[in-house]
Amino acid sequence: MPTIREHIDKAESFERVLTTFDGSNPDHWDWIAIVAFYAALHWVDAFLATYGNHPQNHRERNRLVNLLLPANLAYGILYSTSRRARYEAGHISQQRALQCRDQLLPQIRQWVQQQISGVP
């Protein structure tokens, strides 16, 4: 199971990838939403790991998010948006993609960082 630090490193890696996407390019909007979700997933997993929780799938993680995270609405929007882009061939609007990257992901990151400050 990944450590807290490994989850943080992966989340930060995904966030670096986000900077390579052009927010004005419609071909990138789905990918912005998907990568923002996976960055958030690793921030959430870092938080959950502080309590010894290591979800094995989205269902387990979503249940814990709904129980433990005040940012559960932001996470839920990221999850459903990325799912639509990944599995339902949905097209994500520019507004939604940028919301995922610029509002929802930072909300989750900041909350998790506050919760785990001082954790190596």
C-alpha atoms as a PDB file:
ATOM      1  CA  MET A   1       0.000   0.000   0.000  1.00  0.00           C
ATOM      2  CA  PRO A   2       1.321   3.448  -0.825  1.00  0.00           C
ATOM      3  CA  THR A   3       2.475   5.630   2.015  1.00  0.00           C
ATOM      4  CA  ILE A   4       1.088   9.073   2.766  1.00  0.00           C
ATOM      5  CA  ARG A   5       4.168  10.596   1.112  1.00  0.00           C
ATOM      6  CA  GLU A   6       3.744   8.430  -1.986  1.00  0.00           C
ATOM      7  CA  HIS A   7       0.135   9.581  -2.355  1.00  0.00           C
ATOM      8  CA  ILE A   8       1.212  13.213  -1.983  1.00  0.00           C
ATOM      9  CA  ASP A   9       3.985  12.754  -4.529  1.00  0.00           C
ATOM     10  CA  LYS A  10       1.535  11.190  -6.997  1.00  0.00           C
ATOM     11  CA  ALA A  11      -1.012  13.972  -6.453  1.00  0.00           C
ATOM     12  CA  GLU A  12       1.674  16.600  -7.059  1.00  0.00           C
ATOM     13  CA  SER A  13       2.822  14.738 -10.166  1.00  0.00           C
ATOM     14  CA  PHE A  14      -0.702  14.796 -11.589  1.00  0.00           C
ATOM     15  CA  GLU A  15      -0.948  18.499 -10.779  1.00  0.00           C
ATOM     16  CA  ARG A  16       2.254  19.142 -12.720  1.00  0.00           C
ATOM     17  CA  VAL A  17       0.741  17.295 -15.687  1.00  0.00           C
ATOM     18  CA  LEU A  18      -2.301  19.568 -15.470  1.00  0.00           C
ATOM     19  CA  THR A  19      -0.083  22.552 -16.267  1.00  0.00           C
ATOM     20  CA  THR A  20       0.721  21.037 -19.673  1.00  0.00           C
ATOM     21  CA  PHE A  21      -2.893  21.125 -20.869  1.00  0.00           C
ATOM     22  CA  ASP A  22      -4.207  24.108 -22.794  1.00  0.00           C
ATOM     23  CA  GLY A  23      -7.454  25.183 -21.141  1.00  0.00           C
ATOM     24  CA  SER A  24      -8.618  26.807 -24.373  1.00  0.00           C
ATOM     25  CA  ASN A  25      -8.209  23.609 -26.416  1.00  0.00           C
ATOM     26  CA  PRO A  26     -11.421  21.499 -26.489  1.00  0.00           C
ATOM     27  CA  ASP A  27      -9.323  18.349 -27.005  1.00  0.00           C
ATOM     28  CA  HIS A  28      -7.829  18.910 -23.557  1.00  0.00           C
ATOM     29  CA  TRP A  29     -10.997  19.530 -21.527  1.00  0.00           C
ATOM     30  CA  ASP A  30     -11.771  15.862 -20.851  1.00  0.00           C
ATOM     31  CA  TRP A  31      -8.162  15.247 -19.865  1.00  0.00           C
ATOM     32  CA  ILE A  32      -8.102  18.235 -17.523  1.00  0.00           C
ATOM     33  CA  ALA A  33     -11.123  16.827 -15.679  1.00  0.00           C
ATOM     34  CA  ILE A  34      -9.685  13.306 -15.569  1.00  0.00           C
ATOM     35  CA  VAL A  35      -6.239  14.298 -14.335  1.00  0.00           C
ATOM     36  CA  ALA A  36      -7.711  16.745 -11.789  1.00  0.00           C
ATOM     37  CA  PHE A  37      -9.826  13.900 -10.427  1.00  0.00           C
ATOM     38  CA  TYR A  38      -6.867  11.551 -10.081  1.00  0.00           C
ATOM     39  CA  ALA A  39      -4.843  14.245  -8.344  1.00  0.00           C
ATOM     40  CA  ALA A  40      -7.737  14.721  -5.907  1.00  0.00           C
ATOM     41  CA  LEU A  41      -7.999  10.956  -5.446  1.00  0.00           C
ATOM     42  CA  HIS A  42      -4.391  10.808  -4.266  1.00  0.00           C
ATOM     43  CA  TRP A  43      -4.852  13.792  -1.948  1.00  0.00           C
ATOM     44  CA  VAL A  44      -7.848  11.994  -0.456  1.00  0.00           C
ATOM     45  CA  ASP A  45      -5.914   8.728  -0.196  1.00  0.00           C
ATOM     46  CA  ALA A  46      -3.093  10.552   1.602  1.00  0.00           C
ATOM     47  CA  PHE A  47      -5.611  11.796   4.160  1.00  0.00           C
ATOM     48  CA  LEU A  48      -7.259   8.393   4.526  1.00  0.00           C
ATOM     49  CA  ALA A  49      -3.863   6.729   4.942  1.00  0.00           C
ATOM     50  CA  THR A  50      -3.255   8.829   8.067  1.00  0.00           C
ATOM     51  CA  TYR A  51      -6.048   6.754   9.620  1.00  0.00           C
ATOM     52  CA  GLY A  52      -4.849   3.467   8.186  1.00  0.00           C
ATOM     53  CA  ASN A  53      -7.556   3.429   5.521  1.00  0.00           C
ATOM     54  CA  HIS A  54      -6.448   2.246   2.088  1.00  0.00           C
ATOM     55  CA  PRO A  55      -9.515   1.958  -0.157  1.00  0.00           C
ATOM     56  CA  GLN A  56      -9.254  -0.720  -2.815  1.00  0.00           C
ATOM     57  CA  ASN A  57     -11.799   0.801  -5.190  1.00  0.00           C
ATOM     58  CA  HIS A  58     -13.878   3.874  -5.938  1.00  0.00           C
ATOM     59  CA  ARG A  59     -16.901   2.557  -4.040  1.00  0.00           C
ATOM     60  CA  GLU A  60     -14.936   2.175  -0.796  1.00  0.00           C
ATOM     61  CA  ARG A  61     -13.241   5.548  -1.264  1.00  0.00           C
ATOM     62  CA  ASN A  62     -16.500   7.356  -2.067  1.00  0.00           C
ATOM     63  CA  ARG A  63     -18.108   5.934   1.074  1.00  0.00           C
ATOM     64  CA  LEU A  64     -15.218   7.188   3.220  1.00  0.00           C
ATOM     65  CA  VAL A  65     -15.201  10.555   1.472  1.00  0.00           C
ATOM     66  CA  ASN A  66     -18.902  10.997   2.202  1.00  0.00           C
ATOM     67  CA  LEU A  67     -18.340  10.142   5.856  1.00  0.00           C
ATOM     68  CA  LEU A  68     -15.131  12.057   6.544  1.00  0.00           C
ATOM     69  CA  LEU A  69     -14.552  14.924   4.136  1.00  0.00           C
ATOM     70  CA  PRO A  70     -16.299  18.284   4.262  1.00  0.00           C
ATOM     71  CA  ALA A  71     -15.142  18.597   0.629  1.00  0.00           C
ATOM     72  CA  ASN A  72     -17.217  15.561  -0.346  1.00  0.00           C
ATOM     73  CA  LEU A  73     -19.333  17.609  -2.773  1.00  0.00           C
ATOM     74  CA  ALA A  74     -16.228  18.838  -4.626  1.00  0.00           C
ATOM     75  CA  TYR A  75     -14.876  15.293  -4.768  1.00  0.00           C
ATOM     76  CA  GLY A  76     -18.226  13.973  -6.006  1.00  0.00           C
ATOM     77  CA  ILE A  77     -18.296  16.488  -8.857  1.00  0.00           C
ATOM     78  CA  LEU A  78     -14.728  15.580  -9.835  1.00  0.00           C
ATOM     79  CA  TYR A  79     -15.583  11.876  -9.721  1.00  0.00           C
ATOM     80  CA  SER A  80     -18.754  12.136 -11.802  1.00  0.00           C
ATOM     81  CA  THR A  81     -17.180  14.523 -14.311  1.00  0.00           C
ATOM     82  CA  SER A  82     -14.149  12.309 -14.862  1.00  0.00           C
ATOM     83  CA  ARG A  83     -16.347   9.230 -15.048  1.00  0.00           C
ATOM     84  CA  ARG A  84     -18.444  10.880 -17.747  1.00  0.00           C
ATOM     85  CA  ALA A  85     -15.272  11.740 -19.686  1.00  0.00           C
ATOM     86  CA  ARG A  86     -13.749   8.268 -19.222  1.00  0.00           C
ATOM     87  CA  TYR A  87     -16.644   5.875 -19.658  1.00  0.00           C
ATOM     88  CA  GLU A  88     -19.634   7.626 -21.129  1.00  0.00           C
ATOM     89  CA  ALA A  89     -17.868   9.394 -23.988  1.00  0.00           C
ATOM     90  CA  GLY A  90     -19.258  12.587 -22.550  1.00  0.00           C
ATOM     91  CA  HIS A  91     -17.789  15.853 -23.586  1.00  0.00           C
ATOM     92  CA  ILE A  92     -16.748  18.089 -20.753  1.00  0.00           C
ATOM     93  CA  SER A  93     -17.326  21.805 -21.199  1.00  0.00           C
ATOM     94  CA  GLN A  94     -14.471  24.239 -20.832  1.00  0.00           C
ATOM     95  CA  GLN A  95     -16.207  25.773 -17.836  1.00  0.00           C
ATOM     96  CA  ARG A  96     -16.481  22.401 -16.056  1.00  0.00           C
ATOM     97  CA  ALA A  97     -12.900  21.400 -16.915  1.00  0.00           C
ATOM     98  CA  LEU A  98     -11.513  24.650 -15.549  1.00  0.00           C
ATOM     99  CA  GLN A  99     -13.737  24.395 -12.475  1.00  0.00           C
ATOM    100  CA  CYS A 100     -12.284  20.932 -11.809  1.00  0.00           C
ATOM    101  CA  ARG A 101      -8.713  22.178 -12.161  1.00  0.00           C
ATOM    102  CA  ASP A 102      -8.953  25.659 -10.665  1.00  0.00           C
ATOM    103  CA  GLN A 103     -11.592  25.339  -7.937  1.00  0.00           C
ATOM    104  CA  LEU A 104     -12.498  21.797  -6.922  1.00  0.00           C
ATOM    105  CA  LEU A 105      -9.036  20.228  -6.881  1.00  0.00           C
ATOM    106  CA  PRO A 106      -7.479  23.135  -4.928  1.00  0.00           C
ATOM    107  CA  GLN A 107     -10.344  22.953  -2.412  1.00  0.00           C
ATOM    108  CA  ILE A 108      -9.580  19.289  -1.738  1.00  0.00           C
ATOM    109  CA  ARG A 109      -5.793  19.780  -1.737  1.00  0.00           C
ATOM    110  CA  GLN A 110      -5.940  22.661   0.729  1.00  0.00           C
ATOM    111  CA  TRP A 111      -8.275  20.834   3.104  1.00  0.00           C
ATOM    112  CA  VAL A 112      -6.135  17.688   3.066  1.00  0.00           C
ATOM    113  CA  GLN A 113      -2.921  19.676   3.547  1.00  0.00           C
ATOM    114  CA  GLN A 114      -4.448  21.332   6.617  1.00  0.00           C
ATOM    115  CA  GLN A 115      -5.440  17.950   8.021  1.00  0.00           C
ATOM    116  CA  ILE A 116      -2.099  16.247   7.481  1.00  0.00           C
ATOM    117  CA  SER A 117       0.271  19.120   8.194  1.00  0.00           C
ATOM    118  CA  GLY A 118       3.223  17.790  10.101  1.00  0.00           C
ATOM    119  CA  VAL A 119       2.749  14.246   8.806  1.00  0.00           C
ATOM    120  CA  PRO A 120       5.961  13.127   7.071  1.00  0.00           C
END
